[in-house]
N, C-alpha and C. Protein backbone atom coordinates (compact mmCIF):
# COMPACT_ATOMS: atom_id res chain seq x y z
N MET A 1 0.82 -1.21 -0.10
CA MET A 1 0.05 0.03 0.03
C MET A 1 0.78 1.30 0.10
N GLN A 2 0.43 2.58 -0.68
CA GLN A 2 1.09 3.58 -0.62
C GLN A 2 0.83 4.39 0.79
N PHE A 3 2.14 4.58 1.52
CA PHE A 3 2.12 5.10 2.64
C PHE A 3 1.28 6.52 2.89
N GLN A 4 0.43 6.84 3.76
CA GLN A 4 0.10 8.20 3.86
C GLN A 4 -0.38 8.08 5.55
N ARG A 5 0.49 9.15 6.03
CA ARG A 5 0.38 9.27 7.58
C ARG A 5 -0.98 9.65 7.99
N ALA A 6 -1.57 8.92 8.97
CA ALA A 6 -2.74 9.01 9.48
C ALA A 6 -2.81 10.30 10.09
N ARG A 7 -3.84 11.34 9.86
CA ARG A 7 -4.01 12.52 10.65
C ARG A 7 -4.97 12.51 11.83
N SER A 8 -6.23 11.86 11.52
CA SER A 8 -7.23 11.81 12.57
C SER A 8 -7.03 10.65 13.46
N GLU A 9 -7.67 10.60 14.56
CA GLU A 9 -7.86 9.35 15.54
C GLU A 9 -8.19 8.12 14.74
N GLU A 10 -9.37 8.33 13.97
CA GLU A 10 -10.13 7.24 13.10
C GLU A 10 -8.89 6.81 12.11
N GLN A 11 -8.23 7.57 11.55
CA GLN A 11 -7.17 7.01 10.69
C GLN A 11 -6.11 6.35 11.13
N LYS A 12 -5.62 6.92 12.31
CA LYS A 12 -4.73 6.37 13.20
C LYS A 12 -5.22 4.68 13.56
N ASN A 13 -6.44 4.61 14.11
CA ASN A 13 -6.77 3.25 14.34
C ASN A 13 -6.73 2.30 13.28
N ILE A 14 -7.26 2.82 11.93
CA ILE A 14 -7.18 1.99 10.90
C ILE A 14 -6.01 1.55 10.60
N ARG A 15 -4.83 2.45 10.53
CA ARG A 15 -3.51 2.25 10.26
C ARG A 15 -3.04 0.97 11.28
N ILE A 16 -3.40 1.25 12.52
CA ILE A 16 -2.84 0.20 13.56
C ILE A 16 -3.34 -1.18 13.19
N ASN A 17 -4.77 -1.13 13.12
CA ASN A 17 -5.53 -2.31 12.75
C ASN A 17 -4.67 -2.97 11.44
N GLU A 18 -4.29 -2.40 10.54
CA GLU A 18 -3.52 -2.76 9.34
C GLU A 18 -2.19 -3.53 9.60
N ILE A 19 -1.42 -2.89 10.69
CA ILE A 19 -0.34 -3.15 11.30
C ILE A 19 -0.58 -4.75 11.93
N VAL A 20 -1.56 -4.77 12.64
CA VAL A 20 -1.93 -5.69 13.38
C VAL A 20 -2.14 -7.04 12.46
N ASP A 21 -2.96 -6.65 11.54
CA ASP A 21 -3.44 -7.62 10.67
C ASP A 21 -2.14 -8.30 9.67
N ALA A 22 -1.41 -7.24 9.38
CA ALA A 22 -0.13 -7.70 8.79
C ALA A 22 0.80 -8.59 9.59
N THR A 23 0.85 -8.31 10.90
CA THR A 23 1.80 -8.94 11.86
C THR A 23 1.13 -10.43 12.03
N ILE A 24 -0.26 -10.50 12.13
CA ILE A 24 -0.92 -11.79 12.13
C ILE A 24 -0.54 -12.86 11.03
N ASP A 25 -0.70 -12.19 9.73
CA ASP A 25 -0.26 -12.82 8.61
C ASP A 25 1.11 -13.63 8.65
N LEU A 26 2.14 -12.60 9.16
CA LEU A 26 3.44 -13.16 9.36
C LEU A 26 3.66 -14.25 10.39
N TYR A 27 2.69 -13.97 11.47
CA TYR A 27 2.82 -15.03 12.51
C TYR A 27 2.16 -16.38 12.09
N GLU A 28 1.42 -16.43 11.02
CA GLU A 28 0.81 -17.60 10.85
C GLU A 28 1.79 -18.47 9.96
N LYS A 29 2.83 -17.80 9.38
CA LYS A 29 3.91 -18.34 8.61
C LYS A 29 5.15 -18.43 9.23
N LEU A 30 5.61 -17.85 10.15
CA LEU A 30 6.86 -17.73 11.01
C LEU A 30 6.82 -17.79 12.22
N GLN A 31 7.81 -18.34 12.98
CA GLN A 31 7.90 -18.34 14.48
C GLN A 31 8.15 -16.95 14.97
N TYR A 32 7.64 -16.82 16.27
CA TYR A 32 7.69 -15.43 16.72
C TYR A 32 8.92 -14.78 16.71
N ASP A 33 10.07 -15.30 16.79
CA ASP A 33 11.42 -14.79 16.94
C ASP A 33 11.90 -14.31 15.45
N LYS A 34 11.36 -15.03 14.44
CA LYS A 34 11.86 -14.51 13.03
C LYS A 34 11.05 -13.31 12.44
N ILE A 35 9.96 -13.01 13.36
CA ILE A 35 9.17 -11.71 13.00
C ILE A 35 10.06 -10.58 13.44
N THR A 36 10.13 -9.46 12.63
CA THR A 36 10.92 -8.14 12.76
C THR A 36 10.12 -7.06 12.35
N LEU A 37 10.32 -5.97 12.63
CA LEU A 37 9.62 -4.70 12.41
C LEU A 37 10.03 -4.50 10.93
N ALA A 38 11.08 -4.87 10.42
CA ALA A 38 11.49 -4.69 9.00
C ALA A 38 10.61 -5.63 8.13
N LEU A 39 10.26 -6.70 8.63
CA LEU A 39 9.32 -7.68 7.92
C LEU A 39 7.95 -7.27 7.87
N ILE A 40 7.62 -6.62 8.98
CA ILE A 40 6.38 -6.18 9.14
C ILE A 40 6.12 -4.97 8.24
N ALA A 41 7.14 -4.12 8.15
CA ALA A 41 7.05 -2.90 7.13
C ALA A 41 6.85 -3.35 5.69
N LYS A 42 7.68 -4.37 5.45
CA LYS A 42 7.90 -4.82 4.04
C LYS A 42 6.43 -5.41 3.83
N GLN A 43 5.74 -6.29 4.74
CA GLN A 43 4.45 -6.76 4.41
C GLN A 43 3.32 -5.65 4.25
N LEU A 44 3.49 -4.40 4.70
CA LEU A 44 2.72 -3.36 4.51
C LEU A 44 3.25 -2.47 3.26
N SER A 45 4.27 -2.67 2.72
CA SER A 45 4.88 -1.90 1.60
C SER A 45 5.25 -0.50 2.06
N PHE A 46 5.65 -0.22 3.35
CA PHE A 46 6.15 1.00 3.68
C PHE A 46 7.26 0.82 4.67
N SER A 47 8.20 1.98 4.72
CA SER A 47 9.63 1.99 5.37
C SER A 47 9.40 1.72 6.93
N ARG A 48 10.24 1.17 7.39
CA ARG A 48 10.34 0.95 9.06
C ARG A 48 10.27 2.32 9.77
N ALA A 49 10.84 3.26 9.23
CA ALA A 49 10.62 4.60 9.81
C ALA A 49 9.24 5.03 9.83
N ASN A 50 8.37 4.87 8.85
CA ASN A 50 6.90 4.82 8.82
C ASN A 50 6.36 4.20 10.02
N LEU A 51 6.72 2.88 10.16
CA LEU A 51 6.20 2.03 11.09
C LEU A 51 6.32 2.53 12.62
N TYR A 52 7.59 3.07 12.68
CA TYR A 52 7.78 3.78 14.08
C TYR A 52 6.88 4.93 14.25
N LYS A 53 6.21 5.39 13.50
CA LYS A 53 5.42 6.68 13.74
C LYS A 53 4.01 5.95 14.48
N TYR A 54 3.75 4.61 14.66
CA TYR A 54 2.62 4.04 15.14
C TYR A 54 3.14 3.16 16.30
N VAL A 55 4.29 2.35 16.27
CA VAL A 55 4.70 1.48 17.14
C VAL A 55 6.04 1.49 17.55
N ASN A 56 6.57 1.20 18.42
CA ASN A 56 8.04 1.34 18.78
C ASN A 56 8.84 0.08 18.87
N THR A 57 7.89 -1.10 19.06
CA THR A 57 8.57 -2.60 19.07
C THR A 57 7.36 -3.35 18.59
N LYS A 58 7.77 -4.54 18.18
CA LYS A 58 7.02 -5.52 17.70
C LYS A 58 6.25 -6.26 18.73
N GLU A 59 6.86 -6.04 19.99
CA GLU A 59 6.11 -6.58 21.14
C GLU A 59 4.61 -5.61 21.40
N GLU A 60 4.70 -4.45 21.06
CA GLU A 60 3.65 -3.66 21.32
C GLU A 60 2.63 -4.21 20.34
N ILE A 61 3.07 -4.47 19.12
CA ILE A 61 2.06 -5.07 18.28
C ILE A 61 1.31 -6.24 18.66
N PHE A 62 2.14 -7.40 19.34
CA PHE A 62 1.76 -8.49 19.84
C PHE A 62 0.91 -8.29 21.05
N LEU A 63 0.96 -7.23 21.81
CA LEU A 63 0.11 -6.89 22.95
C LEU A 63 -1.27 -6.73 22.24
N LEU A 64 -1.35 -5.96 21.17
CA LEU A 64 -2.71 -5.62 20.56
C LEU A 64 -3.28 -6.84 19.96
N ILE A 65 -2.35 -7.78 19.46
CA ILE A 65 -3.05 -9.06 18.87
C ILE A 65 -3.70 -9.81 20.02
N ILE A 66 -3.07 -9.74 21.40
CA ILE A 66 -3.47 -10.61 22.43
C ILE A 66 -4.82 -9.88 22.80
N SER A 67 -4.74 -8.57 22.84
CA SER A 67 -5.92 -7.82 23.28
C SER A 67 -7.22 -8.19 22.35
N ARG A 68 -6.81 -7.82 21.07
CA ARG A 68 -7.96 -8.18 20.21
C ARG A 68 -8.50 -9.62 20.33
N ASP A 69 -7.55 -10.67 20.39
CA ASP A 69 -7.97 -12.07 20.53
C ASP A 69 -8.72 -12.36 21.55
N ILE A 70 -8.37 -11.88 22.73
CA ILE A 70 -9.17 -11.86 24.05
C ILE A 70 -10.60 -11.32 23.97
N ARG A 71 -10.71 -10.20 23.22
CA ARG A 71 -11.96 -9.51 23.16
C ARG A 71 -12.85 -10.55 22.23
N THR A 72 -12.16 -11.15 21.11
CA THR A 72 -13.01 -11.94 20.10
C THR A 72 -13.36 -13.37 21.06
N TRP A 73 -12.49 -13.88 21.76
CA TRP A 73 -12.78 -14.92 22.75
C TRP A 73 -14.04 -14.62 23.69
N SER A 74 -13.87 -13.51 24.35
CA SER A 74 -14.87 -13.03 25.35
C SER A 74 -16.22 -13.15 24.81
N LYS A 75 -16.14 -12.51 23.46
CA LYS A 75 -17.52 -12.37 22.73
C LYS A 75 -17.97 -13.64 22.35
N GLU A 76 -17.32 -14.57 21.95
CA GLU A 76 -17.68 -15.91 21.62
C GLU A 76 -18.09 -16.66 22.81
N VAL A 77 -17.44 -16.53 23.83
CA VAL A 77 -17.87 -17.05 25.12
C VAL A 77 -19.46 -16.76 25.47
N ILE A 78 -19.46 -15.38 25.61
CA ILE A 78 -20.86 -14.72 25.88
C ILE A 78 -22.00 -15.21 24.87
N ASP A 79 -21.59 -15.26 23.57
CA ASP A 79 -22.62 -15.47 22.63
C ASP A 79 -22.93 -17.09 22.63
N PHE A 80 -22.02 -17.70 22.92
CA PHE A 80 -22.16 -19.38 22.77
C PHE A 80 -23.12 -19.82 23.95
N PHE A 81 -22.75 -19.26 25.12
CA PHE A 81 -23.34 -19.66 26.55
C PHE A 81 -24.72 -19.21 26.76
N LYS A 82 -24.99 -17.99 26.03
CA LYS A 82 -26.26 -17.40 26.25
C LYS A 82 -27.46 -18.32 25.87
N GLN A 83 -27.33 -19.26 25.32
CA GLN A 83 -28.26 -20.13 24.54
C GLN A 83 -28.58 -21.06 25.60
N TYR A 84 -27.76 -21.34 26.78
CA TYR A 84 -27.99 -22.26 27.87
C TYR A 84 -28.46 -21.44 29.17
N GLU A 85 -29.53 -22.10 29.87
CA GLU A 85 -29.76 -21.66 31.13
C GLU A 85 -28.97 -22.32 32.32
N THR A 86 -28.87 -23.77 31.97
CA THR A 86 -27.91 -24.46 32.83
C THR A 86 -27.30 -25.49 32.08
N LEU A 87 -26.32 -26.08 32.81
CA LEU A 87 -25.28 -27.05 32.26
C LEU A 87 -24.78 -27.81 33.23
N LYS A 88 -24.55 -29.12 32.94
CA LYS A 88 -23.74 -30.06 33.86
C LYS A 88 -22.27 -29.57 33.97
N GLU A 89 -21.72 -29.70 35.07
CA GLU A 89 -20.36 -29.34 35.13
C GLU A 89 -19.23 -29.68 33.91
N GLU A 90 -19.56 -31.01 33.53
CA GLU A 90 -18.81 -31.69 32.38
C GLU A 90 -18.92 -31.03 31.30
N GLU A 91 -20.45 -30.69 30.86
CA GLU A 91 -20.91 -30.07 29.57
C GLU A 91 -20.14 -28.51 29.49
N PHE A 92 -20.17 -28.00 30.54
CA PHE A 92 -19.71 -26.43 30.79
C PHE A 92 -18.18 -26.57 30.36
N CYS A 93 -17.47 -27.35 30.81
CA CYS A 93 -16.15 -27.49 30.83
C CYS A 93 -15.65 -27.81 29.42
N LYS A 94 -16.47 -28.92 28.90
CA LYS A 94 -16.11 -29.26 27.68
C LYS A 94 -16.33 -28.16 26.60
N PHE A 95 -17.30 -27.46 26.54
CA PHE A 95 -17.73 -26.39 25.70
C PHE A 95 -16.60 -25.09 25.92
N TRP A 96 -16.27 -24.78 27.22
CA TRP A 96 -15.36 -23.86 27.67
C TRP A 96 -13.96 -24.18 26.99
N ALA A 97 -13.54 -25.66 26.87
CA ALA A 97 -12.24 -25.95 26.44
C ALA A 97 -12.31 -25.82 25.06
N GLU A 98 -13.49 -26.28 24.40
CA GLU A 98 -13.42 -26.06 22.82
C GLU A 98 -13.31 -24.79 22.42
N ILE A 99 -13.96 -23.69 23.05
CA ILE A 99 -13.99 -22.26 22.75
C ILE A 99 -12.62 -21.70 22.89
N LEU A 100 -11.77 -22.13 23.85
CA LEU A 100 -10.52 -21.50 24.11
C LEU A 100 -9.53 -22.12 23.13
N TYR A 101 -9.67 -23.37 22.65
CA TYR A 101 -8.90 -24.10 21.61
C TYR A 101 -9.25 -23.27 20.55
N ARG A 102 -10.28 -23.12 19.88
CA ARG A 102 -10.69 -22.13 18.66
C ARG A 102 -9.77 -21.07 18.86
N ASN A 103 -9.67 -20.34 19.83
CA ASN A 103 -8.82 -19.08 20.01
C ASN A 103 -7.47 -19.41 20.81
N LYS A 104 -6.74 -20.52 20.28
CA LYS A 104 -5.55 -20.84 20.91
C LYS A 104 -4.37 -19.88 20.69
N ARG A 105 -4.26 -18.96 19.60
CA ARG A 105 -3.33 -18.11 19.84
C ARG A 105 -3.33 -17.33 21.01
N ILE A 106 -4.31 -16.96 21.67
CA ILE A 106 -4.15 -16.41 22.87
C ILE A 106 -3.35 -17.23 23.90
N VAL A 107 -3.44 -18.50 24.01
CA VAL A 107 -2.71 -19.40 24.73
C VAL A 107 -1.34 -19.45 24.42
N GLU A 108 -1.00 -19.57 23.14
CA GLU A 108 0.35 -19.33 22.40
C GLU A 108 1.24 -18.05 22.69
N LEU A 109 0.40 -16.96 22.85
CA LEU A 109 1.15 -15.88 23.08
C LEU A 109 1.44 -15.52 24.50
N PHE A 110 0.34 -15.91 25.37
CA PHE A 110 0.31 -15.89 26.77
C PHE A 110 1.58 -16.68 27.46
N CYS A 111 2.08 -17.71 26.59
CA CYS A 111 3.11 -18.52 26.99
C CYS A 111 4.42 -17.73 27.16
N ILE A 112 4.34 -16.52 26.32
CA ILE A 112 5.71 -15.71 26.22
C ILE A 112 5.35 -14.29 26.61
N LEU A 113 3.94 -14.03 27.20
CA LEU A 113 3.66 -12.55 27.50
C LEU A 113 4.54 -12.06 28.69
N ASN A 114 4.87 -12.83 29.66
CA ASN A 114 5.62 -12.14 30.86
C ASN A 114 7.02 -12.22 30.68
N THR A 115 7.51 -13.25 29.94
CA THR A 115 8.87 -13.51 29.78
C THR A 115 9.45 -12.66 28.59
N ILE A 116 8.69 -12.37 27.54
CA ILE A 116 9.41 -11.87 26.33
C ILE A 116 8.53 -10.57 26.07
N ILE A 117 7.41 -10.73 25.72
CA ILE A 117 6.44 -9.65 25.29
C ILE A 117 6.71 -8.34 26.19
N ALA A 118 6.24 -8.58 27.44
CA ALA A 118 6.05 -7.47 28.42
C ALA A 118 7.26 -6.82 28.77
N ARG A 119 8.32 -7.54 28.41
CA ARG A 119 9.53 -6.75 28.79
C ARG A 119 10.09 -5.80 27.42
N ASN A 120 9.38 -5.80 26.60
CA ASN A 120 10.09 -4.72 25.50
C ASN A 120 8.93 -3.88 25.21
N VAL A 121 8.04 -3.39 26.23
CA VAL A 121 7.00 -2.45 25.95
C VAL A 121 7.13 -1.30 27.00
N SER A 122 6.69 -0.38 26.72
CA SER A 122 6.56 0.60 27.89
C SER A 122 5.57 0.50 28.93
N ALA A 123 5.81 0.96 30.03
CA ALA A 123 4.84 0.80 31.29
C ALA A 123 3.40 1.24 30.92
N GLU A 124 3.24 2.37 29.99
CA GLU A 124 1.99 2.85 29.61
C GLU A 124 1.29 2.00 28.78
N LYS A 125 1.89 1.25 27.81
CA LYS A 125 1.44 0.29 26.88
C LYS A 125 0.96 -0.74 27.63
N LEU A 126 1.68 -1.43 28.48
CA LEU A 126 1.32 -2.67 29.22
C LEU A 126 0.15 -2.14 30.17
N ALA A 127 0.12 -1.03 30.61
CA ALA A 127 -1.16 -0.68 31.61
C ALA A 127 -2.30 -0.50 30.79
N ASP A 128 -2.29 -0.11 29.51
CA ASP A 128 -3.37 -0.02 28.64
C ASP A 128 -3.91 -1.39 28.18
N PHE A 129 -2.91 -2.49 28.04
CA PHE A 129 -3.24 -3.71 27.61
C PHE A 129 -4.11 -4.55 28.81
N LYS A 130 -3.39 -4.14 29.87
CA LYS A 130 -3.99 -4.78 31.31
C LYS A 130 -5.42 -4.30 31.51
N LYS A 131 -5.44 -3.09 31.30
CA LYS A 131 -6.86 -2.45 31.51
C LYS A 131 -8.01 -3.12 30.54
N GLN A 132 -7.69 -3.10 29.30
CA GLN A 132 -8.36 -3.76 28.35
C GLN A 132 -8.84 -5.15 28.54
N ILE A 133 -7.72 -6.05 29.01
CA ILE A 133 -8.33 -7.47 29.15
C ILE A 133 -8.88 -7.76 30.44
N HIS A 134 -8.53 -6.58 31.37
CA HIS A 134 -9.43 -6.79 32.53
C HIS A 134 -11.07 -6.64 32.23
N LYS A 135 -11.16 -5.60 31.31
CA LYS A 135 -12.69 -5.39 31.13
C LYS A 135 -13.35 -6.66 30.45
N ASP A 136 -12.60 -7.38 29.56
CA ASP A 136 -13.23 -8.74 28.70
C ASP A 136 -13.05 -9.83 29.95
N PHE A 137 -12.08 -9.88 30.72
CA PHE A 137 -12.17 -11.10 31.80
C PHE A 137 -13.45 -10.75 32.63
N THR A 138 -13.67 -9.39 32.99
CA THR A 138 -14.71 -9.18 33.74
C THR A 138 -16.25 -9.68 33.20
N LYS A 139 -16.32 -9.56 31.85
CA LYS A 139 -17.47 -9.97 31.11
C LYS A 139 -17.78 -11.55 31.13
N ILE A 140 -16.45 -12.23 31.02
CA ILE A 140 -16.37 -13.57 30.97
C ILE A 140 -16.84 -14.17 32.50
N LYS A 141 -16.40 -13.49 33.41
CA LYS A 141 -16.63 -14.04 34.87
C LYS A 141 -18.20 -13.91 35.04
N LYS A 142 -19.04 -13.24 34.27
CA LYS A 142 -20.38 -13.09 34.38
C LYS A 142 -20.91 -14.34 33.74
N VAL A 143 -20.41 -14.89 32.82
CA VAL A 143 -20.80 -16.14 32.04
C VAL A 143 -20.55 -17.33 33.11
N VAL A 144 -19.33 -17.26 33.90
CA VAL A 144 -18.97 -18.43 34.77
C VAL A 144 -20.02 -18.25 35.86
N LYS A 145 -20.28 -17.12 36.46
CA LYS A 145 -21.21 -16.98 37.52
C LYS A 145 -22.80 -17.26 37.18
N LYS A 146 -23.11 -17.26 36.00
CA LYS A 146 -24.41 -17.67 35.59
C LYS A 146 -24.57 -19.22 35.81
N PHE A 147 -23.50 -20.12 35.64
CA PHE A 147 -23.84 -21.47 35.62
C PHE A 147 -23.20 -21.93 37.05
N PHE A 148 -22.32 -21.15 37.69
CA PHE A 148 -21.85 -21.48 39.14
C PHE A 148 -22.11 -20.41 39.98
N PRO A 149 -23.33 -20.25 40.26
CA PRO A 149 -23.86 -18.98 41.19
C PRO A 149 -23.18 -18.94 42.62
N PHE A 150 -22.69 -20.23 43.10
CA PHE A 150 -22.06 -20.21 44.34
C PHE A 150 -20.79 -19.44 44.54
N MET A 151 -20.31 -19.11 43.36
CA MET A 151 -18.84 -18.44 43.34
C MET A 151 -18.93 -17.11 43.83
N ASN A 152 -18.14 -16.65 44.71
CA ASN A 152 -18.08 -15.09 44.92
C ASN A 152 -16.96 -14.58 43.98
N SER A 153 -16.81 -13.18 44.27
CA SER A 153 -15.88 -12.54 43.21
C SER A 153 -14.44 -12.97 43.40
N GLU A 154 -14.01 -13.44 44.52
CA GLU A 154 -12.56 -13.85 44.49
C GLU A 154 -12.58 -15.38 43.94
N GLN A 155 -13.49 -16.25 44.01
CA GLN A 155 -13.40 -17.28 43.37
C GLN A 155 -13.61 -17.31 42.03
N LEU A 156 -14.34 -16.38 41.35
CA LEU A 156 -14.48 -16.13 40.04
C LEU A 156 -12.99 -15.68 39.45
N LYS A 157 -12.41 -14.68 40.05
CA LYS A 157 -11.12 -14.27 39.78
C LYS A 157 -10.08 -15.60 39.78
N TYR A 158 -10.18 -16.32 40.63
CA TYR A 158 -9.30 -17.69 40.53
C TYR A 158 -9.47 -18.56 39.57
N PHE A 159 -10.80 -18.81 39.37
CA PHE A 159 -11.19 -19.65 38.23
C PHE A 159 -10.69 -19.22 36.83
N ILE A 160 -10.79 -17.87 36.40
CA ILE A 160 -10.05 -17.24 35.28
C ILE A 160 -8.73 -17.28 35.44
N GLU A 161 -8.25 -17.19 36.40
CA GLU A 161 -6.53 -17.00 36.55
C GLU A 161 -6.01 -18.46 36.53
N TYR A 162 -6.42 -19.42 37.12
CA TYR A 162 -6.12 -20.80 37.17
C TYR A 162 -6.21 -21.43 35.87
N GLN A 163 -7.63 -21.25 35.16
CA GLN A 163 -7.64 -21.95 33.92
C GLN A 163 -6.66 -21.34 32.97
N MET A 164 -6.36 -20.12 32.97
CA MET A 164 -5.37 -19.62 31.89
C MET A 164 -3.95 -20.20 32.19
N LYS A 165 -3.61 -20.11 33.32
CA LYS A 165 -2.22 -20.65 33.83
C LYS A 165 -2.20 -22.26 33.34
N TYR A 166 -3.32 -22.86 33.58
CA TYR A 166 -3.28 -24.35 33.02
C TYR A 166 -2.93 -24.39 31.84
N ALA A 167 -3.76 -23.66 30.97
CA ALA A 167 -3.89 -23.66 29.66
C ALA A 167 -2.39 -23.29 29.03
N VAL A 168 -1.73 -22.42 29.52
CA VAL A 168 -0.26 -21.94 29.18
C VAL A 168 0.60 -23.03 29.57
N GLY A 169 0.24 -23.71 30.60
CA GLY A 169 1.21 -24.95 30.90
C GLY A 169 1.09 -26.18 30.01
N VAL A 170 -0.10 -26.40 29.72
CA VAL A 170 -0.49 -27.67 29.12
C VAL A 170 -0.33 -27.38 27.53
N TYR A 171 -0.64 -26.54 27.02
CA TYR A 171 -0.68 -26.27 25.24
C TYR A 171 0.82 -26.59 24.74
N PRO A 172 1.68 -26.19 25.18
CA PRO A 172 3.02 -26.72 24.77
C PRO A 172 3.13 -27.91 24.55
N ALA A 173 2.66 -28.82 25.54
CA ALA A 173 2.83 -30.27 25.63
C ALA A 173 1.92 -30.96 24.57
N THR A 174 1.02 -30.33 23.92
CA THR A 174 0.23 -30.90 23.07
C THR A 174 0.84 -30.79 21.62
N ILE A 175 1.81 -29.95 21.63
CA ILE A 175 2.46 -29.78 20.17
C ILE A 175 3.69 -30.68 20.09
N ILE A 176 3.51 -31.65 19.31
CA ILE A 176 4.58 -32.64 19.11
C ILE A 176 5.34 -32.37 17.79
N ASN A 177 6.63 -31.88 17.79
CA ASN A 177 7.40 -31.63 16.56
C ASN A 177 7.89 -33.13 16.23
N ASP A 178 8.65 -33.15 15.05
CA ASP A 178 9.28 -34.38 14.61
C ASP A 178 10.19 -34.91 15.53
N VAL A 179 11.05 -33.84 16.04
CA VAL A 179 12.31 -34.40 17.06
C VAL A 179 11.46 -35.02 18.20
N GLN A 180 10.49 -34.29 18.74
CA GLN A 180 9.67 -34.94 19.89
C GLN A 180 9.17 -36.14 19.69
N ALA A 181 8.60 -36.28 18.54
CA ALA A 181 7.86 -37.57 18.18
C ALA A 181 8.91 -38.84 18.11
N LYS A 182 10.06 -38.44 17.53
CA LYS A 182 11.20 -39.28 17.33
C LYS A 182 11.63 -39.80 18.84
N ALA A 183 11.85 -38.83 19.58
CA ALA A 183 12.25 -39.08 21.07
C ALA A 183 11.18 -40.00 21.82
N ILE A 184 10.09 -39.68 21.64
CA ILE A 184 8.99 -40.44 22.20
C ILE A 184 9.17 -41.98 21.61
N GLU A 185 9.36 -42.09 20.37
CA GLU A 185 9.68 -43.43 19.99
C GLU A 185 10.81 -44.14 20.38
N ILE A 186 11.90 -43.41 20.58
CA ILE A 186 13.09 -44.08 20.83
C ILE A 186 13.01 -44.50 22.46
N SER A 187 12.59 -43.56 23.14
CA SER A 187 12.47 -43.81 24.59
C SER A 187 11.40 -44.77 25.00
N GLY A 188 10.28 -44.63 24.14
CA GLY A 188 9.19 -45.85 24.69
C GLY A 188 8.33 -45.13 25.63
N ILE A 189 8.40 -43.94 26.01
CA ILE A 189 7.73 -43.14 26.87
C ILE A 189 6.78 -42.19 26.36
N PRO A 190 5.51 -42.61 26.44
CA PRO A 190 4.41 -41.75 25.72
C PRO A 190 4.26 -40.37 26.43
N SER A 191 3.86 -39.40 25.66
CA SER A 191 3.46 -38.11 26.23
C SER A 191 2.22 -38.36 27.15
N ASN A 192 2.40 -37.53 28.24
CA ASN A 192 1.22 -37.48 29.33
C ASN A 192 0.07 -36.81 28.74
N VAL A 193 0.23 -36.03 27.77
CA VAL A 193 -0.92 -35.31 27.24
C VAL A 193 -1.44 -35.62 25.96
N ASN A 194 -2.58 -36.21 25.69
CA ASN A 194 -3.16 -36.62 24.52
C ASN A 194 -3.49 -35.44 23.40
N ASP A 195 -4.29 -34.63 24.08
CA ASP A 195 -4.95 -33.46 23.36
C ASP A 195 -5.21 -32.39 24.23
N PHE A 196 -5.36 -31.03 23.83
CA PHE A 196 -5.49 -29.85 24.77
C PHE A 196 -7.01 -29.90 25.24
N GLU A 197 -7.98 -30.21 24.38
CA GLU A 197 -9.33 -29.97 24.83
C GLU A 197 -9.76 -30.89 25.98
N SER A 198 -9.46 -32.19 25.70
CA SER A 198 -9.59 -33.22 26.91
C SER A 198 -9.06 -32.85 28.25
N SER A 199 -7.56 -32.72 28.01
CA SER A 199 -6.75 -32.24 29.34
C SER A 199 -7.30 -31.05 29.97
N PHE A 200 -7.60 -30.17 29.29
CA PHE A 200 -8.07 -28.70 29.74
C PHE A 200 -9.55 -28.97 30.43
N SER A 201 -10.36 -29.63 29.74
CA SER A 201 -11.66 -29.73 30.32
C SER A 201 -11.76 -30.56 31.50
N LYS A 202 -10.73 -31.41 31.83
CA LYS A 202 -10.67 -32.23 33.13
C LYS A 202 -10.19 -31.44 34.09
N PHE A 203 -9.35 -30.46 33.81
CA PHE A 203 -8.59 -29.56 34.83
C PHE A 203 -9.64 -28.72 35.26
N LEU A 204 -10.64 -28.11 34.36
CA LEU A 204 -11.58 -27.18 34.68
C LEU A 204 -12.33 -27.81 35.71
N ILE A 205 -12.78 -28.91 35.74
CA ILE A 205 -13.52 -29.69 36.75
C ILE A 205 -12.82 -29.80 38.06
N VAL A 206 -11.43 -29.93 38.05
CA VAL A 206 -10.76 -30.06 39.33
C VAL A 206 -10.78 -28.69 39.80
N ILE A 207 -10.71 -27.66 39.10
CA ILE A 207 -10.74 -26.12 39.78
C ILE A 207 -12.15 -26.11 40.46
N LEU A 208 -13.25 -26.56 39.60
CA LEU A 208 -14.43 -26.26 40.21
C LEU A 208 -14.81 -27.13 41.40
N ASN A 209 -14.09 -28.15 41.46
CA ASN A 209 -14.30 -29.07 42.82
C ASN A 209 -13.39 -28.43 43.82
N GLY A 210 -12.29 -27.84 43.44
CA GLY A 210 -11.68 -27.24 44.56
C GLY A 210 -12.27 -26.07 45.30
N ILE A 211 -13.03 -25.23 44.41
CA ILE A 211 -13.73 -24.14 44.87
C ILE A 211 -14.73 -24.69 45.65
N LYS A 212 -15.48 -25.70 45.25
CA LYS A 212 -16.68 -26.08 46.12
C LYS A 212 -16.26 -26.65 47.48
N ALA A 213 -14.96 -27.30 47.43
CA ALA A 213 -14.49 -27.95 48.78
C ALA A 213 -14.03 -26.73 49.59
N LYS A 214 -13.91 -25.59 49.23
CA LYS A 214 -13.63 -24.46 50.21
C LYS A 214 -14.98 -23.85 50.77
N LEU A 215 -16.04 -24.27 50.19
CA LEU A 215 -17.41 -23.57 50.39
C LEU A 215 -17.72 -23.91 51.92
């Protein structure tokens, strides 16, 4: 595209969305560490200097990607579960796991959020990110509360926090590359995790049982 600097706030938001979209396109083809601002600028057909008018680091862009993905996930959770008035625990956990897996880029990027992404952004950008995802998590808590009304605000907070921490922990174990597959074959020791959705849904039940045990 031919570069024209955005003048209004609306134009700026359009340009930032274009940058986010271009970065997502690259992320679908390349590993995170292979993506650079130079590649992103090339994808957009304008200079790296022009890119700096909107972002300072690629990590800022990935914060925006995570924020957008969480917004999409929260909307999907809300839209999906509003068709039900009640669900068994197993049903709720199965549906929840399926929806998160459909939005698995959130989990992929949460794996490196604190160790890599958050270390190369300004405090202001990180604060904006935290405020935005807090709003989305608050909406999601209302869905959980609908099906598990016994939970208080602290327990809802723990449910959201623990489910994401477990997702971040288990997701990498479900990605088996050629080297890992060969190592499993040679060692004769199978992977402890078969697939993300079944493992994650079982853990959600563990979380719920733990919360109920504290009542």
